[in-house]
Amino acid sequence: MDDDKRICVGAIGGAFGVHGEVRLKSFTADPEAIADYAPLTSEDGGRSFDVQIVRPIGQGFAARLSGVRSKEDADALKGARLFAPRERLPQLPDDEFYHADLIGLDVLDTGGARLGRVRAVQNHGASDLLEVQVPGSSATVLLPFTREAVPTVDLTAGRIIADPPLGLFDA
């Protein structure tokens, strides 16, 4: 399956208990809805899992995945990201985006000057930050993904128009 047709919807944090349950972190807007998008696949597409949410736990859920029957099976999946086909996910409102759609977009300032390219989308609890790779450098800049700092996202043209806070992109 093409990577652009799959969206990362969760990650496995390792075993939860001794009976094969996993710690599941959901990246979906409604966290429990992750089970609705199953079967979920591993990053390489080699494994497929049905998902049953058992109960909420700190920072996620205890869940059962098909084919995972022991603590050792669950621990072997620690750090694995889980993907769902894009067509199983809900359509988003015009002002919301899947992170996968933002990665790789060019970032231009309001005057058309290239600021870089989106390398990743980070979220450390408050709001999303676009990690922008600065051209000709290994440096990245964290751009707040707010309407003020990012007034335009044009997926069709493959670009973001940014109005970053003063000094953010100054070397």
N, C-alpha and C. Protein backbone atom coordinates (compact mmCIF):
# COMPACT_ATOMS: atom_id res chain seq x y z
N MET A 1 0.85 -1.18 0.00
CA MET A 1 0.00 0.00 0.00
C MET A 1 0.89 1.24 0.00
N ASP A 2 0.55 2.23 -0.80
CA ASP A 2 1.34 3.46 -0.88
C ASP A 2 1.30 4.20 0.44
N ASP A 3 2.47 4.76 0.83
CA ASP A 3 2.54 5.49 2.09
C ASP A 3 1.58 6.68 2.12
N ASP A 4 1.35 7.33 0.95
CA ASP A 4 0.47 8.49 0.96
C ASP A 4 -1.00 8.10 1.08
N LYS A 5 -1.29 6.82 1.05
CA LYS A 5 -2.66 6.36 1.22
C LYS A 5 -2.88 5.78 2.61
N ARG A 6 -1.85 5.86 3.47
CA ARG A 6 -1.96 5.38 4.85
C ARG A 6 -1.64 6.52 5.80
N ILE A 7 -2.33 6.52 6.92
CA ILE A 7 -2.13 7.55 7.95
C ILE A 7 -1.77 6.85 9.26
N CYS A 8 -0.74 7.37 9.93
CA CYS A 8 -0.35 6.84 11.24
C CYS A 8 -1.41 7.26 12.25
N VAL A 9 -2.05 6.25 12.88
CA VAL A 9 -3.14 6.54 13.81
C VAL A 9 -2.81 6.18 15.26
N GLY A 10 -1.64 5.54 15.47
CA GLY A 10 -1.29 5.18 16.83
C GLY A 10 0.08 4.56 16.93
N ALA A 11 0.50 4.30 18.16
CA ALA A 11 1.79 3.68 18.42
C ALA A 11 1.66 2.77 19.63
N ILE A 12 2.49 1.74 19.65
CA ILE A 12 2.48 0.78 20.74
C ILE A 12 3.59 1.12 21.72
N GLY A 13 3.23 1.23 22.99
CA GLY A 13 4.19 1.59 24.03
C GLY A 13 4.79 0.39 24.74
N GLY A 14 4.47 -0.83 24.28
CA GLY A 14 4.99 -2.03 24.92
C GLY A 14 3.88 -2.82 25.58
N ALA A 15 4.28 -3.79 26.38
CA ALA A 15 3.32 -4.68 27.03
C ALA A 15 2.60 -3.97 28.17
N PHE A 16 1.36 -4.39 28.41
CA PHE A 16 0.61 -3.96 29.58
C PHE A 16 0.12 -5.23 30.25
N GLY A 17 0.75 -5.60 31.32
CA GLY A 17 0.41 -6.85 31.99
C GLY A 17 1.12 -8.04 31.35
N VAL A 18 0.67 -9.24 31.69
CA VAL A 18 1.38 -10.45 31.25
C VAL A 18 0.57 -11.30 30.27
N HIS A 19 -0.60 -10.81 29.83
CA HIS A 19 -1.47 -11.63 28.98
C HIS A 19 -1.52 -11.15 27.53
N GLY A 20 -0.53 -10.37 27.10
CA GLY A 20 -0.48 -9.96 25.70
C GLY A 20 -1.15 -8.64 25.39
N GLU A 21 -1.67 -7.95 26.42
CA GLU A 21 -2.22 -6.62 26.15
C GLU A 21 -1.08 -5.65 25.91
N VAL A 22 -1.36 -4.60 25.11
CA VAL A 22 -0.35 -3.59 24.82
C VAL A 22 -0.81 -2.23 25.34
N ARG A 23 0.17 -1.37 25.56
CA ARG A 23 -0.11 0.04 25.82
C ARG A 23 -0.26 0.69 24.44
N LEU A 24 -1.42 1.26 24.18
CA LEU A 24 -1.70 1.83 22.87
C LEU A 24 -1.93 3.33 23.00
N LYS A 25 -1.14 4.10 22.28
CA LYS A 25 -1.31 5.55 22.24
C LYS A 25 -2.03 5.87 20.93
N SER A 26 -3.16 6.54 21.03
CA SER A 26 -3.96 6.87 19.86
C SER A 26 -3.68 8.29 19.40
N PHE A 27 -3.55 8.47 18.09
CA PHE A 27 -3.34 9.80 17.50
C PHE A 27 -4.61 10.31 16.83
N THR A 28 -5.74 9.63 17.05
CA THR A 28 -6.98 10.05 16.41
C THR A 28 -7.67 11.12 17.25
N ALA A 29 -8.49 11.96 16.60
CA ALA A 29 -9.17 13.05 17.29
C ALA A 29 -10.02 12.51 18.43
N ASP A 30 -10.76 11.44 18.18
CA ASP A 30 -11.48 10.73 19.24
C ASP A 30 -10.62 9.50 19.53
N PRO A 31 -9.83 9.51 20.61
CA PRO A 31 -8.85 8.46 20.84
C PRO A 31 -9.41 7.03 20.77
N GLU A 32 -10.61 6.79 21.27
CA GLU A 32 -11.16 5.44 21.24
C GLU A 32 -11.53 4.99 19.83
N ALA A 33 -11.68 5.94 18.91
CA ALA A 33 -12.07 5.61 17.53
C ALA A 33 -10.98 4.83 16.80
N ILE A 34 -9.77 4.78 17.35
CA ILE A 34 -8.69 4.05 16.69
C ILE A 34 -9.12 2.61 16.37
N ALA A 35 -9.89 1.99 17.25
CA ALA A 35 -10.34 0.61 17.01
C ALA A 35 -11.29 0.52 15.82
N ASP A 36 -11.99 1.61 15.51
CA ASP A 36 -12.94 1.62 14.39
C ASP A 36 -12.24 1.56 13.04
N TYR A 37 -10.96 1.90 12.99
CA TYR A 37 -10.24 1.96 11.72
C TYR A 37 -9.47 0.67 11.43
N ALA A 38 -9.60 -0.32 12.32
CA ALA A 38 -8.90 -1.59 12.16
C ALA A 38 -9.50 -2.35 10.97
N PRO A 39 -8.73 -3.26 10.38
CA PRO A 39 -7.40 -3.67 10.82
C PRO A 39 -6.35 -2.59 10.53
N LEU A 40 -5.44 -2.44 11.49
CA LEU A 40 -4.33 -1.51 11.36
C LEU A 40 -3.09 -2.29 10.93
N THR A 41 -2.21 -1.64 10.19
CA THR A 41 -1.00 -2.33 9.71
C THR A 41 0.24 -1.72 10.32
N SER A 42 1.29 -2.54 10.34
CA SER A 42 2.60 -2.06 10.78
C SER A 42 3.14 -1.10 9.73
N GLU A 43 4.22 -0.39 10.08
CA GLU A 43 4.78 0.60 9.18
C GLU A 43 5.19 0.00 7.84
N ASP A 44 5.75 -1.21 7.87
CA ASP A 44 6.18 -1.85 6.62
C ASP A 44 5.03 -2.56 5.91
N GLY A 45 3.85 -2.56 6.53
CA GLY A 45 2.69 -3.20 5.94
C GLY A 45 2.69 -4.71 6.07
N GLY A 46 3.69 -5.26 6.74
CA GLY A 46 3.85 -6.71 6.84
C GLY A 46 2.93 -7.38 7.85
N ARG A 47 2.45 -6.63 8.81
CA ARG A 47 1.56 -7.21 9.83
C ARG A 47 0.27 -6.40 9.88
N SER A 48 -0.82 -7.09 10.21
CA SER A 48 -2.12 -6.47 10.30
C SER A 48 -2.74 -6.86 11.64
N PHE A 49 -3.40 -5.91 12.28
CA PHE A 49 -3.95 -6.15 13.62
C PHE A 49 -5.39 -5.66 13.72
N ASP A 50 -6.24 -6.52 14.27
CA ASP A 50 -7.54 -6.06 14.75
C ASP A 50 -7.28 -5.50 16.14
N VAL A 51 -8.04 -4.50 16.55
CA VAL A 51 -7.80 -3.81 17.82
C VAL A 51 -9.05 -3.86 18.68
N GLN A 52 -8.86 -4.23 19.94
CA GLN A 52 -9.93 -4.19 20.93
C GLN A 52 -9.43 -3.36 22.11
N ILE A 53 -10.08 -2.22 22.36
CA ILE A 53 -9.73 -1.39 23.52
C ILE A 53 -10.26 -2.10 24.76
N VAL A 54 -9.38 -2.32 25.74
CA VAL A 54 -9.79 -3.00 26.97
C VAL A 54 -10.21 -1.97 28.02
N ARG A 55 -9.37 -0.96 28.23
CA ARG A 55 -9.68 0.08 29.21
C ARG A 55 -8.70 1.24 29.04
N PRO A 56 -9.11 2.44 29.46
CA PRO A 56 -8.19 3.58 29.45
C PRO A 56 -7.11 3.40 30.51
N ILE A 57 -5.90 3.80 30.20
CA ILE A 57 -4.80 3.85 31.17
C ILE A 57 -4.10 5.19 30.95
N GLY A 58 -3.14 5.53 31.80
CA GLY A 58 -2.43 6.79 31.65
C GLY A 58 -1.84 6.93 30.26
N GLN A 59 -2.13 8.02 29.58
CA GLN A 59 -1.62 8.35 28.26
C GLN A 59 -1.98 7.32 27.20
N GLY A 60 -3.17 6.76 27.27
CA GLY A 60 -3.59 5.84 26.22
C GLY A 60 -4.56 4.79 26.70
N PHE A 61 -4.40 3.61 26.13
CA PHE A 61 -5.31 2.50 26.42
C PHE A 61 -4.55 1.22 26.59
N ALA A 62 -5.12 0.31 27.38
CA ALA A 62 -4.72 -1.08 27.35
C ALA A 62 -5.56 -1.68 26.23
N ALA A 63 -4.90 -2.41 25.33
CA ALA A 63 -5.62 -2.95 24.17
C ALA A 63 -5.14 -4.34 23.83
N ARG A 64 -6.01 -5.08 23.19
CA ARG A 64 -5.64 -6.39 22.65
C ARG A 64 -5.51 -6.25 21.14
N LEU A 65 -4.42 -6.80 20.61
CA LEU A 65 -4.20 -6.84 19.17
C LEU A 65 -4.24 -8.28 18.71
N SER A 66 -4.89 -8.53 17.59
CA SER A 66 -4.96 -9.90 17.09
C SER A 66 -3.54 -10.42 16.85
N GLY A 67 -3.31 -11.66 17.22
CA GLY A 67 -2.00 -12.29 17.02
C GLY A 67 -0.99 -12.01 18.12
N VAL A 68 -1.34 -11.17 19.08
CA VAL A 68 -0.44 -10.84 20.19
C VAL A 68 -1.00 -11.52 21.42
N ARG A 69 -0.31 -12.57 21.87
CA ARG A 69 -0.88 -13.40 22.94
C ARG A 69 -0.06 -13.43 24.23
N SER A 70 1.16 -12.89 24.19
CA SER A 70 1.99 -12.96 25.39
C SER A 70 2.67 -11.61 25.63
N LYS A 71 3.20 -11.47 26.85
CA LYS A 71 3.95 -10.26 27.19
C LYS A 71 5.12 -10.09 26.23
N GLU A 72 5.77 -11.20 25.86
CA GLU A 72 6.92 -11.14 24.95
C GLU A 72 6.49 -10.65 23.55
N ASP A 73 5.33 -11.13 23.06
CA ASP A 73 4.80 -10.64 21.77
C ASP A 73 4.55 -9.14 21.84
N ALA A 74 3.95 -8.70 22.95
CA ALA A 74 3.62 -7.28 23.11
C ALA A 74 4.89 -6.43 23.21
N ASP A 75 5.87 -6.90 24.00
CA ASP A 75 7.13 -6.15 24.14
C ASP A 75 7.87 -6.04 22.82
N ALA A 76 7.76 -7.07 21.97
CA ALA A 76 8.45 -7.05 20.67
C ALA A 76 7.89 -5.95 19.76
N LEU A 77 6.69 -5.48 20.06
CA LEU A 77 6.06 -4.44 19.24
C LEU A 77 6.28 -3.03 19.79
N LYS A 78 7.00 -2.92 20.90
CA LYS A 78 7.20 -1.60 21.52
C LYS A 78 7.78 -0.63 20.50
N GLY A 79 7.15 0.54 20.40
CA GLY A 79 7.60 1.57 19.47
C GLY A 79 7.00 1.46 18.08
N ALA A 80 6.32 0.36 17.79
CA ALA A 80 5.73 0.18 16.46
C ALA A 80 4.62 1.20 16.24
N ARG A 81 4.61 1.78 15.05
CA ARG A 81 3.54 2.70 14.67
C ARG A 81 2.50 1.93 13.88
N LEU A 82 1.23 2.30 14.08
CA LEU A 82 0.13 1.61 13.42
C LEU A 82 -0.55 2.54 12.42
N PHE A 83 -0.88 1.98 11.26
CA PHE A 83 -1.41 2.77 10.15
C PHE A 83 -2.77 2.26 9.71
N ALA A 84 -3.60 3.20 9.25
CA ALA A 84 -4.91 2.87 8.67
C ALA A 84 -4.98 3.46 7.27
N PRO A 85 -5.69 2.80 6.37
CA PRO A 85 -5.87 3.37 5.03
C PRO A 85 -6.64 4.68 5.12
N ARG A 86 -6.20 5.66 4.35
CA ARG A 86 -6.82 6.99 4.36
C ARG A 86 -8.33 6.92 4.14
N GLU A 87 -8.78 6.01 3.27
CA GLU A 87 -10.22 5.98 2.95
C GLU A 87 -11.07 5.53 4.14
N ARG A 88 -10.48 4.91 5.16
CA ARG A 88 -11.25 4.51 6.35
C ARG A 88 -11.40 5.66 7.35
N LEU A 89 -10.60 6.69 7.18
CA LEU A 89 -10.62 7.81 8.13
C LEU A 89 -11.64 8.86 7.70
N PRO A 90 -12.14 9.63 8.65
CA PRO A 90 -13.14 10.64 8.30
C PRO A 90 -12.54 11.78 7.47
N GLN A 91 -13.38 12.39 6.64
CA GLN A 91 -12.98 13.61 5.94
C GLN A 91 -12.81 14.71 6.98
N LEU A 92 -11.81 15.55 6.79
CA LEU A 92 -11.56 16.62 7.76
C LEU A 92 -12.18 17.93 7.29
N PRO A 93 -12.54 18.80 8.23
CA PRO A 93 -12.97 20.15 7.84
C PRO A 93 -11.83 20.87 7.12
N ASP A 94 -12.16 21.94 6.42
CA ASP A 94 -11.18 22.65 5.61
C ASP A 94 -9.97 23.15 6.39
N ASP A 95 -10.13 23.44 7.67
CA ASP A 95 -9.02 24.01 8.43
C ASP A 95 -8.28 22.97 9.27
N GLU A 96 -8.50 21.67 9.00
CA GLU A 96 -7.78 20.61 9.70
C GLU A 96 -7.06 19.75 8.68
N PHE A 97 -5.91 19.17 9.12
CA PHE A 97 -5.06 18.42 8.20
C PHE A 97 -4.49 17.21 8.91
N TYR A 98 -4.31 16.12 8.16
CA TYR A 98 -3.55 15.00 8.69
C TYR A 98 -2.08 15.38 8.63
N HIS A 99 -1.34 15.04 9.69
CA HIS A 99 0.08 15.35 9.75
C HIS A 99 0.80 14.86 8.50
N ALA A 100 0.45 13.67 8.02
CA ALA A 100 1.10 13.10 6.85
C ALA A 100 0.97 14.00 5.63
N ASP A 101 -0.11 14.79 5.56
CA ASP A 101 -0.30 15.69 4.42
C ASP A 101 0.59 16.92 4.49
N LEU A 102 1.04 17.28 5.69
CA LEU A 102 1.86 18.48 5.87
C LEU A 102 3.35 18.21 5.66
N ILE A 103 3.78 16.99 5.97
CA ILE A 103 5.20 16.65 5.85
C ILE A 103 5.62 16.69 4.40
N GLY A 104 6.71 17.41 4.14
CA GLY A 104 7.22 17.54 2.78
C GLY A 104 6.78 18.80 2.06
N LEU A 105 5.83 19.55 2.64
CA LEU A 105 5.38 20.78 1.99
C LEU A 105 6.44 21.87 2.10
N ASP A 106 6.59 22.67 1.03
CA ASP A 106 7.47 23.84 1.08
C ASP A 106 6.83 24.90 1.95
N VAL A 107 7.65 25.65 2.68
CA VAL A 107 7.18 26.73 3.53
C VAL A 107 7.75 28.03 2.98
N LEU A 108 6.85 28.94 2.61
CA LEU A 108 7.23 30.25 2.07
C LEU A 108 6.74 31.33 3.01
N ASP A 109 7.46 32.46 3.05
CA ASP A 109 6.94 33.56 3.85
C ASP A 109 5.90 34.32 3.02
N THR A 110 5.28 35.32 3.60
CA THR A 110 4.19 36.03 2.91
C THR A 110 4.68 36.80 1.69
N GLY A 111 6.00 37.00 1.57
CA GLY A 111 6.57 37.65 0.39
C GLY A 111 7.02 36.66 -0.66
N GLY A 112 6.85 35.36 -0.40
CA GLY A 112 7.21 34.34 -1.38
C GLY A 112 8.60 33.76 -1.21
N ALA A 113 9.38 34.23 -0.21
CA ALA A 113 10.73 33.70 0.02
C ALA A 113 10.62 32.33 0.69
N ARG A 114 11.45 31.38 0.24
CA ARG A 114 11.40 30.02 0.77
C ARG A 114 12.07 29.99 2.15
N LEU A 115 11.32 29.50 3.14
CA LEU A 115 11.83 29.36 4.50
C LEU A 115 12.34 27.94 4.75
N GLY A 116 11.82 26.95 4.00
CA GLY A 116 12.24 25.58 4.18
C GLY A 116 11.16 24.61 3.78
N ARG A 117 11.26 23.40 4.34
CA ARG A 117 10.31 22.32 4.04
C ARG A 117 9.92 21.64 5.35
N VAL A 118 8.66 21.28 5.49
CA VAL A 118 8.18 20.62 6.70
C VAL A 118 8.79 19.23 6.79
N ARG A 119 9.54 18.99 7.85
CA ARG A 119 10.19 17.69 8.07
C ARG A 119 9.35 16.80 8.97
N ALA A 120 8.65 17.41 9.93
CA ALA A 120 7.83 16.64 10.87
C ALA A 120 6.83 17.57 11.52
N VAL A 121 5.84 16.98 12.17
CA VAL A 121 4.88 17.73 12.98
C VAL A 121 5.05 17.23 14.41
N GLN A 122 5.35 18.16 15.31
CA GLN A 122 5.58 17.83 16.71
C GLN A 122 4.40 18.32 17.54
N ASN A 123 4.15 17.65 18.65
CA ASN A 123 3.17 18.15 19.60
C ASN A 123 3.64 17.75 20.98
N HIS A 124 3.98 18.74 21.78
CA HIS A 124 4.48 18.49 23.13
C HIS A 124 3.45 18.87 24.18
N GLY A 125 2.17 18.79 23.80
CA GLY A 125 1.11 18.99 24.76
C GLY A 125 0.26 20.22 24.55
N ALA A 126 0.81 21.29 24.00
CA ALA A 126 0.02 22.51 23.85
C ALA A 126 -0.67 22.54 22.49
N SER A 127 0.11 22.71 21.43
CA SER A 127 -0.45 22.72 20.08
C SER A 127 0.61 22.19 19.13
N ASP A 128 0.20 21.96 17.90
CA ASP A 128 1.14 21.41 16.92
C ASP A 128 2.20 22.43 16.54
N LEU A 129 3.39 21.90 16.29
CA LEU A 129 4.52 22.70 15.80
C LEU A 129 5.01 22.05 14.51
N LEU A 130 5.25 22.85 13.49
CA LEU A 130 5.82 22.33 12.25
C LEU A 130 7.34 22.42 12.38
N GLU A 131 8.01 21.28 12.23
CA GLU A 131 9.47 21.27 12.24
C GLU A 131 9.91 21.53 10.80
N VAL A 132 10.48 22.71 10.58
CA VAL A 132 10.83 23.16 9.24
C VAL A 132 12.35 23.04 9.04
N GLN A 133 12.73 22.26 8.04
CA GLN A 133 14.14 22.11 7.67
C GLN A 133 14.56 23.36 6.91
N VAL A 134 15.58 24.07 7.42
CA VAL A 134 16.07 25.29 6.79
C VAL A 134 16.90 24.91 5.57
N PRO A 135 16.69 25.57 4.41
CA PRO A 135 17.44 25.22 3.20
C PRO A 135 18.95 25.36 3.39
N GLY A 136 19.70 24.39 2.88
CA GLY A 136 21.15 24.44 2.93
C GLY A 136 21.75 24.28 4.31
N SER A 137 20.99 23.70 5.23
CA SER A 137 21.46 23.57 6.60
C SER A 137 20.84 22.32 7.22
N SER A 138 21.47 21.81 8.27
CA SER A 138 20.85 20.70 9.00
C SER A 138 19.93 21.24 10.10
N ALA A 139 19.91 22.57 10.27
CA ALA A 139 19.10 23.19 11.31
C ALA A 139 17.61 23.10 10.99
N THR A 140 16.82 22.99 12.04
CA THR A 140 15.37 23.05 11.88
C THR A 140 14.82 24.15 12.79
N VAL A 141 13.66 24.64 12.44
CA VAL A 141 12.96 25.66 13.22
C VAL A 141 11.58 25.12 13.53
N LEU A 142 11.11 25.31 14.76
CA LEU A 142 9.77 24.90 15.15
C LEU A 142 8.81 26.08 14.96
N LEU A 143 7.94 25.94 13.97
CA LEU A 143 6.98 26.98 13.63
C LEU A 143 5.63 26.63 14.24
N PRO A 144 5.06 27.52 15.07
CA PRO A 144 3.75 27.22 15.65
C PRO A 144 2.72 27.02 14.53
N PHE A 145 1.95 25.95 14.61
CA PHE A 145 0.93 25.68 13.59
C PHE A 145 -0.38 26.31 14.05
N THR A 146 -0.40 27.64 13.99
CA THR A 146 -1.57 28.42 14.36
C THR A 146 -2.01 29.23 13.14
N ARG A 147 -3.22 29.71 13.15
CA ARG A 147 -3.74 30.51 12.04
C ARG A 147 -2.91 31.80 11.87
N GLU A 148 -2.40 32.34 12.98
CA GLU A 148 -1.60 33.56 12.90
C GLU A 148 -0.25 33.29 12.21
N ALA A 149 0.43 32.22 12.59
CA ALA A 149 1.76 31.92 12.05
C ALA A 149 1.69 31.20 10.71
N VAL A 150 0.59 30.49 10.46
CA VAL A 150 0.43 29.74 9.21
C VAL A 150 -0.96 30.06 8.65
N PRO A 151 -1.09 31.22 7.97
CA PRO A 151 -2.40 31.60 7.47
C PRO A 151 -2.92 30.75 6.31
N THR A 152 -2.00 30.12 5.53
CA THR A 152 -2.44 29.38 4.35
C THR A 152 -1.74 28.03 4.24
N VAL A 153 -2.53 26.98 4.06
CA VAL A 153 -2.01 25.65 3.72
C VAL A 153 -2.66 25.29 2.39
N ASP A 154 -1.84 25.13 1.36
CA ASP A 154 -2.33 24.81 0.02
C ASP A 154 -1.79 23.43 -0.36
N LEU A 155 -2.58 22.39 -0.04
CA LEU A 155 -2.13 21.03 -0.32
C LEU A 155 -1.98 20.79 -1.82
N THR A 156 -2.86 21.38 -2.62
CA THR A 156 -2.81 21.19 -4.07
C THR A 156 -1.50 21.72 -4.64
N ALA A 157 -1.08 22.88 -4.19
CA ALA A 157 0.17 23.49 -4.67
C ALA A 157 1.39 22.95 -3.92
N GLY A 158 1.16 22.20 -2.83
CA GLY A 158 2.27 21.64 -2.06
C GLY A 158 3.05 22.67 -1.28
N ARG A 159 2.34 23.66 -0.73
CA ARG A 159 3.05 24.71 0.01
C ARG A 159 2.23 25.26 1.15
N ILE A 160 2.98 25.86 2.06
CA ILE A 160 2.42 26.54 3.22
C ILE A 160 2.92 27.97 3.15
N ILE A 161 2.03 28.93 3.38
CA ILE A 161 2.44 30.33 3.49
C ILE A 161 2.47 30.64 4.98
N ALA A 162 3.64 31.09 5.44
CA ALA A 162 3.83 31.34 6.87
C ALA A 162 4.11 32.81 7.14
N ASP A 163 3.64 33.27 8.27
CA ASP A 163 3.94 34.60 8.79
C ASP A 163 4.53 34.37 10.18
N PRO A 164 5.79 33.90 10.21
CA PRO A 164 6.38 33.47 11.49
C PRO A 164 6.61 34.65 12.43
N PRO A 165 6.64 34.36 13.73
CA PRO A 165 6.99 35.39 14.70
C PRO A 165 8.34 36.02 14.34
N LEU A 166 8.49 37.30 14.57
CA LEU A 166 9.71 38.03 14.24
C LEU A 166 10.94 37.35 14.83
N GLY A 167 11.94 37.13 13.99
CA GLY A 167 13.21 36.57 14.44
C GLY A 167 13.28 35.05 14.45
N LEU A 168 12.16 34.37 14.21
CA LEU A 168 12.14 32.91 14.31
C LEU A 168 13.08 32.25 13.29
N PHE A 169 13.13 32.77 12.08
CA PHE A 169 13.96 32.17 11.04
C PHE A 169 15.28 32.89 10.84
N ASP A 170 15.60 33.86 11.70
CA ASP A 170 16.88 34.56 11.58
C ASP A 170 17.99 33.65 12.10
N ALA A 171 19.07 33.59 11.35
CA ALA A 171 20.19 32.72 11.74
C ALA A 171 21.00 33.33 12.86
